Amino acid sequence: MSESPAYLRLKLAQTLFSKQPSNLAPEERQRVEQVALRQLKIEQRILATPEAAQVVLPESSLSQAMSEIRNRYESEEAYCADLNTVGLDRDGLAESIERELVFDAVLDCVASKVPQASDTEVEIFYFLHQSRFQRPETRTLRHILVTINNELPDSERDAAWRKITAIQSRLLKSPQRFAEQALKHSECPTAMNSGLLGTLKRDQLFPELEPVAFALPLGELSDVVESPLGFHLLYCVAIEDGGVLPLARVREKIRTYLMDSRRRSSQKAWIASLFRQDSLAYKSA
């Protein structure tokens, strides 16, 4: 099997395995080689087209791409060592990147000819795929945690219970003080953010907390709840019911999805047509 160009090995090691080529396992190296050889055939055919000959690259694009590769490495020594491992020098790297930039520019040009997805197409997709736009019920919550640790003074179970019930008594009189009380008394890292847990869906809380959290009315304080961490108080900041997201919320996301899909299909069809032309030319020769 012939070897693929060095730059493709360098690029694919990062893309497929998030590794430098020198760190690839044997089976990973084989996979990189297989993909690189396939990509090489496509690259060579595209770079031979009239469209590729018309590409003019911005002067900054090559230097920017070179810098991005260099910045993956902690040192100049590691950078040069890896180039050497795959059989590249700086000039060879620059030439390979320039080829890739032309390759990408040609495919971008092909994709740019795809017509815009219309509002009607977006709406049809929405109504045919509503299961994709299901929104789970969520709660935005704050909480206060008092931990239980029978080996620490003032953190034994009874002491922790007295602390949490004292906080609860203050909050029953003034629920609006929850953020302040969390900042002062909560023993969870979220205390630094006034006890804010964020917007949560089901299965993101301890099993002991979830039923309480999702039964809380807006602006209400929970009873004391115990979890493996200790005693909690929860406060409901906001509720968003589950259901299908309205079309207005997802219209542009759907349009983007349709356009991306359409562009990829157009590029694949164009590439396939190049190889069909080669096949016909070979048969007629």
C-alpha atoms as a PDB file:
ATOM      1  CA  MET A   1       0.000   0.000   0.000  1.00  0.00           C
ATOM      2  CA  SER A   2       1.428   3.403  -0.976  1.00  0.00           C
ATOM      3  CA  GLU A   3       1.832   5.985   1.717  1.00  0.00           C
ATOM      4  CA  SER A   4      -0.447   8.999   1.915  1.00  0.00           C
ATOM      5  CA  PRO A   5       0.969  12.551   1.948  1.00  0.00           C
ATOM      6  CA  ALA A   6       2.549  13.502   5.242  1.00  0.00           C
ATOM      7  CA  TYR A   7       0.255  16.444   5.862  1.00  0.00           C
ATOM      8  CA  LEU A   8      -2.878  14.317   5.623  1.00  0.00           C
ATOM      9  CA  ARG A   9      -1.469  11.991   8.273  1.00  0.00           C
ATOM     10  CA  LEU A  10      -0.742  14.965  10.501  1.00  0.00           C
ATOM     11  CA  LYS A  11      -4.223  16.414  10.021  1.00  0.00           C
ATOM     12  CA  LEU A  12      -6.182  13.177  10.339  1.00  0.00           C
ATOM     13  CA  ALA A  13      -4.367  12.080  13.490  1.00  0.00           C
ATOM     14  CA  GLN A  14      -5.710  15.238  15.105  1.00  0.00           C
ATOM     15  CA  THR A  15      -9.170  15.081  13.519  1.00  0.00           C
ATOM     16  CA  LEU A  16      -9.885  11.401  14.156  1.00  0.00           C
ATOM     17  CA  PHE A  17      -8.082  10.789  17.441  1.00  0.00           C
ATOM     18  CA  SER A  18      -7.078  14.222  18.843  1.00  0.00           C
ATOM     19  CA  LYS A  19      -3.475  13.011  18.883  1.00  0.00           C
ATOM     20  CA  GLN A  20      -0.182  13.907  17.321  1.00  0.00           C
ATOM     21  CA  PRO A  21       0.988  11.264  14.773  1.00  0.00           C
ATOM     22  CA  SER A  22       3.811  10.092  17.038  1.00  0.00           C
ATOM     23  CA  ASN A  23       1.261   9.144  19.707  1.00  0.00           C
ATOM     24  CA  LEU A  24      -0.974   6.967  17.527  1.00  0.00           C
ATOM     25  CA  ALA A  25      -1.487   3.310  18.362  1.00  0.00           C
ATOM     26  CA  PRO A  26      -0.844   0.865  15.463  1.00  0.00           C
ATOM     27  CA  GLU A  27      -4.552   0.390  14.708  1.00  0.00           C
ATOM     28  CA  GLU A  28      -5.093   4.167  14.821  1.00  0.00           C
ATOM     29  CA  ARG A  29      -2.178   4.693  12.455  1.00  0.00           C
ATOM     30  CA  GLN A  30      -3.703   2.176  10.039  1.00  0.00           C
ATOM     31  CA  ARG A  31      -7.068   3.939  10.178  1.00  0.00           C
ATOM     32  CA  VAL A  32      -5.421   7.313   9.494  1.00  0.00           C
ATOM     33  CA  GLU A  33      -3.616   5.842   6.496  1.00  0.00           C
ATOM     34  CA  GLN A  34      -6.816   4.367   5.029  1.00  0.00           C
ATOM     35  CA  VAL A  35      -8.759   7.612   5.339  1.00  0.00           C
ATOM     36  CA  ALA A  36      -5.833   9.657   4.042  1.00  0.00           C
ATOM     37  CA  LEU A  37      -5.513   7.559   0.896  1.00  0.00           C
ATOM     38  CA  ARG A  38      -9.222   7.969   0.150  1.00  0.00           C
ATOM     39  CA  GLN A  39      -9.044  11.693   0.741  1.00  0.00           C
ATOM     40  CA  LEU A  40      -5.934  11.979  -1.412  1.00  0.00           C
ATOM     41  CA  LYS A  41      -7.762  10.581  -4.443  1.00  0.00           C
ATOM     42  CA  ILE A  42     -10.587  13.074  -4.003  1.00  0.00           C
ATOM     43  CA  GLU A  43      -8.180  15.962  -3.436  1.00  0.00           C
ATOM     44  CA  GLN A  44      -6.145  15.170  -6.534  1.00  0.00           C
ATOM     45  CA  ARG A  45      -9.250  15.014  -8.718  1.00  0.00           C
ATOM     46  CA  ILE A  46     -10.682  18.272  -7.387  1.00  0.00           C
ATOM     47  CA  LEU A  47      -7.385  20.138  -7.716  1.00  0.00           C
ATOM     48  CA  ALA A  48      -7.295  19.142 -11.397  1.00  0.00           C
ATOM     49  CA  THR A  49     -10.590  20.898 -12.152  1.00  0.00           C
ATOM     50  CA  PRO A  50     -10.989  24.286 -13.887  1.00  0.00           C
ATOM     51  CA  GLU A  51     -12.690  25.520 -10.711  1.00  0.00           C
ATOM     52  CA  ALA A  52      -9.494  24.925  -8.703  1.00  0.00           C
ATOM     53  CA  ALA A  53      -7.421  26.821 -11.244  1.00  0.00           C
ATOM     54  CA  GLN A  54      -9.574  29.896 -10.685  1.00  0.00           C
ATOM     55  CA  VAL A  55      -9.132  30.012  -6.904  1.00  0.00           C
ATOM     56  CA  VAL A  56      -7.188  32.979  -5.538  1.00  0.00           C
ATOM     57  CA  LEU A  57      -6.348  32.584  -1.843  1.00  0.00           C
ATOM     58  CA  PRO A  58      -6.144  35.568   0.530  1.00  0.00           C
ATOM     59  CA  GLU A  59      -2.547  36.211   1.575  1.00  0.00           C
ATOM     60  CA  SER A  60      -3.380  35.819   5.254  1.00  0.00           C
ATOM     61  CA  SER A  61      -5.087  32.431   4.986  1.00  0.00           C
ATOM     62  CA  LEU A  62      -1.908  30.360   4.667  1.00  0.00           C
ATOM     63  CA  SER A  63      -0.070  32.046   7.537  1.00  0.00           C
ATOM     64  CA  GLN A  64      -3.152  31.737   9.742  1.00  0.00           C
ATOM     65  CA  ALA A  65      -3.468  28.015   9.015  1.00  0.00           C
ATOM     66  CA  MET A  66       0.240  27.494   9.708  1.00  0.00           C
ATOM     67  CA  SER A  67      -0.101  29.305  13.028  1.00  0.00           C
ATOM     68  CA  GLU A  68      -3.095  27.173  14.045  1.00  0.00           C
ATOM     69  CA  ILE A  69      -1.063  23.998  13.567  1.00  0.00           C
ATOM     70  CA  ARG A  70       1.949  25.424  15.407  1.00  0.00           C
ATOM     71  CA  ASN A  71      -0.249  26.443  18.347  1.00  0.00           C
ATOM     72  CA  ARG A  72      -1.248  22.818  18.991  1.00  0.00           C
ATOM     73  CA  TYR A  73       2.247  22.221  20.325  1.00  0.00           C
ATOM     74  CA  GLU A  74       3.697  23.348  23.617  1.00  0.00           C
ATOM     75  CA  SER A  75       7.119  24.064  22.165  1.00  0.00           C
ATOM     76  CA  GLU A  76       8.934  24.659  18.897  1.00  0.00           C
ATOM     77  CA  GLU A  77      10.927  21.504  19.539  1.00  0.00           C
ATOM     78  CA  ALA A  78       7.796  19.338  19.799  1.00  0.00           C
ATOM     79  CA  TYR A  79       6.388  20.976  16.651  1.00  0.00           C
ATOM     80  CA  CYS A  80       9.510  20.283  14.598  1.00  0.00           C
ATOM     81  CA  ALA A  81       9.809  16.754  15.973  1.00  0.00           C
ATOM     82  CA  ASP A  82       6.301  15.855  14.870  1.00  0.00           C
ATOM     83  CA  LEU A  83       6.819  17.340  11.417  1.00  0.00           C
ATOM     84  CA  ASN A  84       9.928  15.210  11.143  1.00  0.00           C
ATOM     85  CA  THR A  85       8.000  12.119  12.301  1.00  0.00           C
ATOM     86  CA  VAL A  86       5.592  12.370   9.373  1.00  0.00           C
ATOM     87  CA  GLY A  87       8.313  13.407   6.926  1.00  0.00           C
ATOM     88  CA  LEU A  88       7.458  17.086   6.573  1.00  0.00           C
ATOM     89  CA  ASP A  89       9.440  20.294   6.655  1.00  0.00           C
ATOM     90  CA  ARG A  90       7.986  23.818   6.854  1.00  0.00           C
ATOM     91  CA  ASP A  91       7.947  24.304   3.079  1.00  0.00           C
ATOM     92  CA  GLY A  92       6.236  20.966   2.575  1.00  0.00           C
ATOM     93  CA  LEU A  93       3.686  21.827   5.233  1.00  0.00           C
ATOM     94  CA  ALA A  94       2.968  25.198   3.627  1.00  0.00           C
ATOM     95  CA  GLU A  95       2.502  23.572   0.200  1.00  0.00           C
ATOM     96  CA  SER A  96       0.131  20.949   1.620  1.00  0.00           C
ATOM     97  CA  ILE A  97      -1.935  23.529   3.482  1.00  0.00           C
ATOM     98  CA  GLU A  98      -2.202  25.648   0.348  1.00  0.00           C
ATOM     99  CA  ARG A  99      -3.560  22.624  -1.542  1.00  0.00           C
ATOM    100  CA  GLU A 100      -6.080  22.020   1.219  1.00  0.00           C
ATOM    101  CA  LEU A 101      -7.216  25.651   1.197  1.00  0.00           C
ATOM    102  CA  VAL A 102      -7.806  25.488  -2.556  1.00  0.00           C
ATOM    103  CA  PHE A 103      -9.660  22.182  -2.098  1.00  0.00           C
ATOM    104  CA  ASP A 104     -11.912  23.760   0.556  1.00  0.00           C
ATOM    105  CA  ALA A 105     -12.480  26.868  -1.545  1.00  0.00           C
ATOM    106  CA  VAL A 106     -13.659  24.786  -4.507  1.00  0.00           C
ATOM    107  CA  LEU A 107     -16.104  22.837  -2.342  1.00  0.00           C
ATOM    108  CA  ASP A 108     -17.352  26.076  -0.782  1.00  0.00           C
ATOM    109  CA  CYS A 109     -17.960  27.420  -4.273  1.00  0.00           C
ATOM    110  CA  VAL A 110     -19.942  24.310  -5.198  1.00  0.00           C
ATOM    111  CA  ALA A 111     -21.994  24.593  -2.003  1.00  0.00           C
ATOM    112  CA  SER A 112     -22.677  28.289  -2.572  1.00  0.00           C
ATOM    113  CA  LYS A 113     -24.749  27.468  -5.662  1.00  0.00           C
ATOM    114  CA  VAL A 114     -27.348  25.609  -3.597  1.00  0.00           C
ATOM    115  CA  PRO A 115     -30.658  27.512  -3.436  1.00  0.00           C
ATOM    116  CA  GLN A 116     -31.803  28.922  -0.094  1.00  0.00           C
ATOM    117  CA  ALA A 117     -34.252  26.812   1.920  1.00  0.00           C
ATOM    118  CA  SER A 118     -37.644  28.490   1.664  1.00  0.00           C
ATOM    119  CA  ASP A 119     -40.026  29.234   4.525  1.00  0.00           C
ATOM    120  CA  THR A 120     -42.362  26.559   3.164  1.00  0.00           C
ATOM    121  CA  GLU A 121     -39.609  23.918   3.254  1.00  0.00           C
ATOM    122  CA  VAL A 122     -38.736  24.931   6.803  1.00  0.00           C
ATOM    123  CA  GLU A 123     -42.366  24.675   7.887  1.00  0.00           C
ATOM    124  CA  ILE A 124     -42.854  21.277   6.232  1.00  0.00           C
ATOM    125  CA  PHE A 125     -39.757  19.942   8.008  1.00  0.00           C
ATOM    126  CA  TYR A 126     -41.006  21.296  11.340  1.00  0.00           C
ATOM    127  CA  PHE A 127     -44.431  19.674  11.067  1.00  0.00           C
ATOM    128  CA  LEU A 128     -43.022  16.351   9.840  1.00  0.00           C
ATOM    129  CA  HIS A 129     -40.367  16.135  12.584  1.00  0.00           C
ATOM    130  CA  GLN A 130     -41.989  17.619  15.665  1.00  0.00           C
ATOM    131  CA  SER A 131     -40.462  14.939  17.891  1.00  0.00           C
ATOM    132  CA  ARG A 132     -37.103  16.648  17.286  1.00  0.00           C
ATOM    133  CA  PHE A 133     -38.382  19.822  18.866  1.00  0.00           C
ATOM    134  CA  GLN A 134     -39.695  18.462  22.126  1.00  0.00           C
ATOM    135  CA  ARG A 135     -38.687  20.705  25.019  1.00  0.00           C
ATOM    136  CA  PRO A 136     -38.345  19.031  28.445  1.00  0.00           C
ATOM    137  CA  GLU A 137     -39.907  20.559  31.525  1.00  0.00           C
ATOM    138  CA  THR A 138     -37.280  22.574  33.400  1.00  0.00           C
ATOM    139  CA  ARG A 139     -36.869  24.357  36.716  1.00  0.00           C
ATOM    140  CA  THR A 140     -34.453  27.166  37.483  1.00  0.00           C
ATOM    141  CA  LEU A 141     -33.427  26.625  41.090  1.00  0.00           C
ATOM    142  CA  ARG A 142     -31.396  28.006  43.933  1.00  0.00           C
ATOM    143  CA  HIS A 143     -30.394  25.838  46.849  1.00  0.00           C
ATOM    144  CA  ILE A 144     -28.733  25.939  50.233  1.00  0.00           C
ATOM    145  CA  LEU A 145     -26.722  22.969  51.472  1.00  0.00           C
ATOM    146  CA  VAL A 146     -25.652  22.236  55.026  1.00  0.00           C
ATOM    147  CA  THR A 147     -23.410  19.189  55.051  1.00  0.00           C
ATOM    148  CA  ILE A 148     -23.399  16.429  57.666  1.00  0.00           C
ATOM    149  CA  ASN A 149     -20.040  15.254  58.996  1.00  0.00           C
ATOM    150  CA  ASN A 150     -20.052  13.553  62.354  1.00  0.00           C
ATOM    151  CA  GLU A 151     -16.254  13.831  62.550  1.00  0.00           C
ATOM    152  CA  LEU A 152     -16.223  17.647  62.472  1.00  0.00           C
ATOM    153  CA  PRO A 153     -17.365  19.874  65.350  1.00  0.00           C
ATOM    154  CA  ASP A 154     -20.577  21.798  64.569  1.00  0.00           C
ATOM    155  CA  SER A 155     -21.201  19.596  61.512  1.00  0.00           C
ATOM    156  CA  GLU A 156     -22.698  16.591  63.275  1.00  0.00           C
ATOM    157  CA  ARG A 157     -26.183  15.622  62.214  1.00  0.00           C
ATOM    158  CA  ASP A 158     -27.959  17.440  65.046  1.00  0.00           C
ATOM    159  CA  ALA A 159     -25.878  20.599  64.540  1.00  0.00           C
ATOM    160  CA  ALA A 160     -26.489  20.514  60.782  1.00  0.00           C
ATOM    161  CA  TRP A 161     -30.214  20.110  61.386  1.00  0.00           C
ATOM    162  CA  ARG A 162     -30.279  23.136  63.702  1.00  0.00           C
ATOM    163  CA  LYS A 163     -28.431  25.213  61.086  1.00  0.00           C
ATOM    164  CA  ILE A 164     -30.737  24.329  58.219  1.00  0.00           C
ATOM    165  CA  THR A 165     -33.942  24.782  60.219  1.00  0.00           C
ATOM    166  CA  ALA A 166     -32.752  28.174  61.466  1.00  0.00           C
ATOM    167  CA  ILE A 167     -32.131  29.233  57.851  1.00  0.00           C
ATOM    168  CA  GLN A 168     -35.541  27.843  56.883  1.00  0.00           C
ATOM    169  CA  SER A 169     -37.262  29.884  59.610  1.00  0.00           C
ATOM    170  CA  ARG A 170     -35.683  33.097  58.327  1.00  0.00           C
ATOM    171  CA  LEU A 171     -36.648  32.328  54.753  1.00  0.00           C
ATOM    172  CA  LEU A 172     -40.252  31.460  55.595  1.00  0.00           C
ATOM    173  CA  LYS A 173     -40.567  35.044  56.819  1.00  0.00           C
ATOM    174  CA  SER A 174     -38.578  36.565  53.927  1.00  0.00           C
ATOM    175  CA  PRO A 175     -38.212  34.222  50.909  1.00  0.00           C
ATOM    176  CA  GLN A 176     -36.669  37.057  48.917  1.00  0.00           C
ATOM    177  CA  ARG A 177     -33.565  36.690  51.095  1.00  0.00           C
ATOM    178  CA  PHE A 178     -32.762  33.251  49.660  1.00  0.00           C
ATOM    179  CA  ALA A 179     -29.815  34.419  47.532  1.00  0.00           C
ATOM    180  CA  GLU A 180     -28.342  36.318  50.464  1.00  0.00           C
ATOM    181  CA  GLN A 181     -28.746  33.350  52.839  1.00  0.00           C
ATOM    182  CA  ALA A 182     -27.204  30.988  50.292  1.00  0.00           C
ATOM    183  CA  LEU A 183     -24.185  33.251  49.930  1.00  0.00           C
ATOM    184  CA  LYS A 184     -23.735  33.406  53.709  1.00  0.00           C
ATOM    185  CA  HIS A 185     -24.556  29.881  54.809  1.00  0.00           C
ATOM    186  CA  SER A 186     -24.566  27.319  51.974  1.00  0.00           C
ATOM    187  CA  GLU A 187     -21.700  24.811  52.036  1.00  0.00           C
ATOM    188  CA  CYS A 188     -21.941  24.116  48.313  1.00  0.00           C
ATOM    189  CA  PRO A 189     -19.660  25.787  45.721  1.00  0.00           C
ATOM    190  CA  THR A 190     -22.825  27.354  44.233  1.00  0.00           C
ATOM    191  CA  ALA A 191     -22.899  29.621  47.310  1.00  0.00           C
ATOM    192  CA  MET A 192     -20.509  31.906  45.399  1.00  0.00           C
ATOM    193  CA  ASN A 193     -23.322  32.393  42.886  1.00  0.00           C
ATOM    194  CA  SER A 194     -25.986  32.928  45.561  1.00  0.00           C
ATOM    195  CA  GLY A 195     -26.967  29.250  45.467  1.00  0.00           C
ATOM    196  CA  LEU A 196     -27.966  29.222  41.804  1.00  0.00           C
ATOM    197  CA  LEU A 197     -28.071  25.663  40.448  1.00  0.00           C
ATOM    198  CA  GLY A 198     -29.166  26.845  37.011  1.00  0.00           C
ATOM    199  CA  THR A 199     -31.915  25.615  34.712  1.00  0.00           C
ATOM    200  CA  LEU A 200     -32.314  21.871  35.122  1.00  0.00           C
ATOM    201  CA  LYS A 201     -34.323  19.094  33.542  1.00  0.00           C
ATOM    202  CA  ARG A 202     -35.219  15.794  35.147  1.00  0.00           C
ATOM    203  CA  ASP A 203     -32.441  13.312  35.997  1.00  0.00           C
ATOM    204  CA  GLN A 204     -29.941  16.054  36.795  1.00  0.00           C
ATOM    205  CA  LEU A 205     -30.491  16.151  40.563  1.00  0.00           C
ATOM    206  CA  PHE A 206     -30.087  13.664  43.386  1.00  0.00           C
ATOM    207  CA  PRO A 207     -33.113  11.313  43.455  1.00  0.00           C
ATOM    208  CA  GLU A 208     -34.071  12.734  46.853  1.00  0.00           C
ATOM    209  CA  LEU A 209     -34.193  16.290  45.461  1.00  0.00           C
ATOM    210  CA  GLU A 210     -35.821  15.823  42.065  1.00  0.00           C
ATOM    211  CA  PRO A 211     -39.451  15.130  43.098  1.00  0.00           C
ATOM    212  CA  VAL A 212     -39.342  18.038  45.512  1.00  0.00           C
ATOM    213  CA  ALA A 213     -37.794  20.391  42.950  1.00  0.00           C
ATOM    214  CA  PHE A 214     -40.300  19.552  40.211  1.00  0.00           C
ATOM    215  CA  ALA A 215     -43.264  19.911  42.551  1.00  0.00           C
ATOM    216  CA  LEU A 216     -42.250  23.370  43.754  1.00  0.00           C
ATOM    217  CA  PRO A 217     -44.487  26.237  42.604  1.00  0.00           C
ATOM    218  CA  LEU A 218     -42.834  29.346  41.234  1.00  0.00           C
ATOM    219  CA  GLY A 219     -41.322  31.494  43.973  1.00  0.00           C
ATOM    220  CA  GLU A 220     -41.823  28.864  46.679  1.00  0.00           C
ATOM    221  CA  LEU A 221     -39.431  27.475  49.292  1.00  0.00           C
ATOM    222  CA  SER A 222     -39.151  23.709  49.840  1.00  0.00           C
ATOM    223  CA  ASP A 223     -39.158  21.816  53.090  1.00  0.00           C
ATOM    224  CA  VAL A 224     -35.783  20.564  54.287  1.00  0.00           C
ATOM    225  CA  VAL A 225     -34.658  17.659  52.079  1.00  0.00           C
ATOM    226  CA  GLU A 226     -31.879  15.221  52.911  1.00  0.00           C
ATOM    227  CA  SER A 227     -29.513  13.771  50.311  1.00  0.00           C
ATOM    228  CA  PRO A 228     -26.173  11.939  50.633  1.00  0.00           C
ATOM    229  CA  LEU A 229     -24.547  15.389  50.753  1.00  0.00           C
ATOM    230  CA  GLY A 230     -26.559  16.702  53.688  1.00  0.00           C
ATOM    231  CA  PHE A 231     -29.615  18.913  54.218  1.00  0.00           C
ATOM    232  CA  HIS A 232     -30.979  21.097  51.423  1.00  0.00           C
ATOM    233  CA  LEU A 233     -33.433  23.924  50.942  1.00  0.00           C
ATOM    234  CA  LEU A 234     -34.632  24.586  47.388  1.00  0.00           C
ATOM    235  CA  TYR A 235     -36.158  27.717  45.911  1.00  0.00           C
ATOM    236  CA  CYS A 236     -37.904  27.824  42.528  1.00  0.00           C
ATOM    237  CA  VAL A 237     -36.827  30.807  40.424  1.00  0.00           C
ATOM    238  CA  ALA A 238     -38.518  29.902  37.132  1.00  0.00           C
ATOM    239  CA  ILE A 239     -40.579  27.149  35.506  1.00  0.00           C
ATOM    240  CA  GLU A 240     -40.679  26.254  31.839  1.00  0.00           C
ATOM    241  CA  ASP A 241     -43.251  23.638  30.914  1.00  0.00           C
ATOM    242  CA  GLY A 242     -42.387  20.840  28.530  1.00  0.00           C
ATOM    243  CA  GLY A 243     -43.831  20.574  25.042  1.00  0.00           C
ATOM    244  CA  VAL A 244     -43.044  21.245  21.403  1.00  0.00           C
ATOM    245  CA  LEU A 245     -40.950  24.342  20.797  1.00  0.00           C
ATOM    246  CA  PRO A 246     -42.841  26.889  18.683  1.00  0.00           C
ATOM    247  CA  LEU A 247     -41.819  27.241  15.071  1.00  0.00           C
ATOM    248  CA  ALA A 248     -40.649  30.808  15.654  1.00  0.00           C
ATOM    249  CA  ARG A 249     -38.030  29.539  18.130  1.00  0.00           C
ATOM    250  CA  VAL A 250     -36.518  26.966  15.776  1.00  0.00           C
ATOM    251  CA  ARG A 251     -37.171  28.385  12.301  1.00  0.00           C
ATOM    252  CA  GLU A 252     -33.617  29.567  11.648  1.00  0.00           C
ATOM    253  CA  LYS A 253     -32.051  26.455  13.192  1.00  0.00           C
ATOM    254  CA  ILE A 254     -34.121  24.333  10.815  1.00  0.00           C
ATOM    255  CA  ARG A 255     -33.107  26.524   7.883  1.00  0.00           C
ATOM    256  CA  THR A 256     -29.436  26.141   8.833  1.00  0.00           C
ATOM    257  CA  TYR A 257     -29.820  22.366   9.148  1.00  0.00           C
ATOM    258  CA  LEU A 258     -31.531  22.107   5.743  1.00  0.00           C
ATOM    259  CA  MET A 259     -28.902  24.278   4.088  1.00  0.00           C
ATOM    260  CA  ASP A 260     -26.005  22.351   5.623  1.00  0.00           C
ATOM    261  CA  SER A 261     -27.549  19.067   4.501  1.00  0.00           C
ATOM    262  CA  ARG A 262     -28.201  20.434   1.038  1.00  0.00           C
ATOM    263  CA  ARG A 263     -24.648  21.750   0.699  1.00  0.00           C
ATOM    264  CA  ARG A 264     -23.124  18.428   1.736  1.00  0.00           C
ATOM    265  CA  SER A 265     -25.332  16.565  -0.745  1.00  0.00           C
ATOM    266  CA  SER A 266     -24.382  18.983  -3.508  1.00  0.00           C
ATOM    267  CA  GLN A 267     -20.669  18.553  -2.799  1.00  0.00           C
ATOM    268  CA  LYS A 268     -20.927  14.757  -2.745  1.00  0.00           C
ATOM    269  CA  ALA A 269     -22.886  14.709  -6.008  1.00  0.00           C
ATOM    270  CA  TRP A 270     -20.357  17.026  -7.674  1.00  0.00           C
ATOM    271  CA  ILE A 271     -17.406  14.892  -6.550  1.00  0.00           C
ATOM    272  CA  ALA A 272     -19.170  11.731  -7.729  1.00  0.00           C
ATOM    273  CA  SER A 273     -19.733  13.360 -11.128  1.00  0.00           C
ATOM    274  CA  LEU A 274     -15.984  14.012 -11.467  1.00  0.00           C
ATOM    275  CA  PHE A 275     -15.199  10.333 -10.998  1.00  0.00           C
ATOM    276  CA  ARG A 276     -17.975   9.339 -13.410  1.00  0.00           C
ATOM    277  CA  GLN A 277     -16.388  11.598 -16.005  1.00  0.00           C
ATOM    278  CA  ASP A 278     -13.030   9.901 -15.414  1.00  0.00           C
ATOM    279  CA  SER A 279     -14.656   6.489 -15.818  1.00  0.00           C
ATOM    280  CA  LEU A 280     -16.346   7.471 -19.097  1.00  0.00           C
ATOM    281  CA  ALA A 281     -13.132   8.982 -20.412  1.00  0.00           C
ATOM    282  CA  TYR A 282     -11.252   5.756 -19.552  1.00  0.00           C
ATOM    283  CA  LYS A 283     -13.834   3.593 -21.337  1.00  0.00           C
ATOM    284  CA  SER A 284     -13.766   5.740 -24.468  1.00  0.00           C
ATOM    285  CA  ALA A 285      -9.962   5.788 -24.653  1.00  0.00           C
END
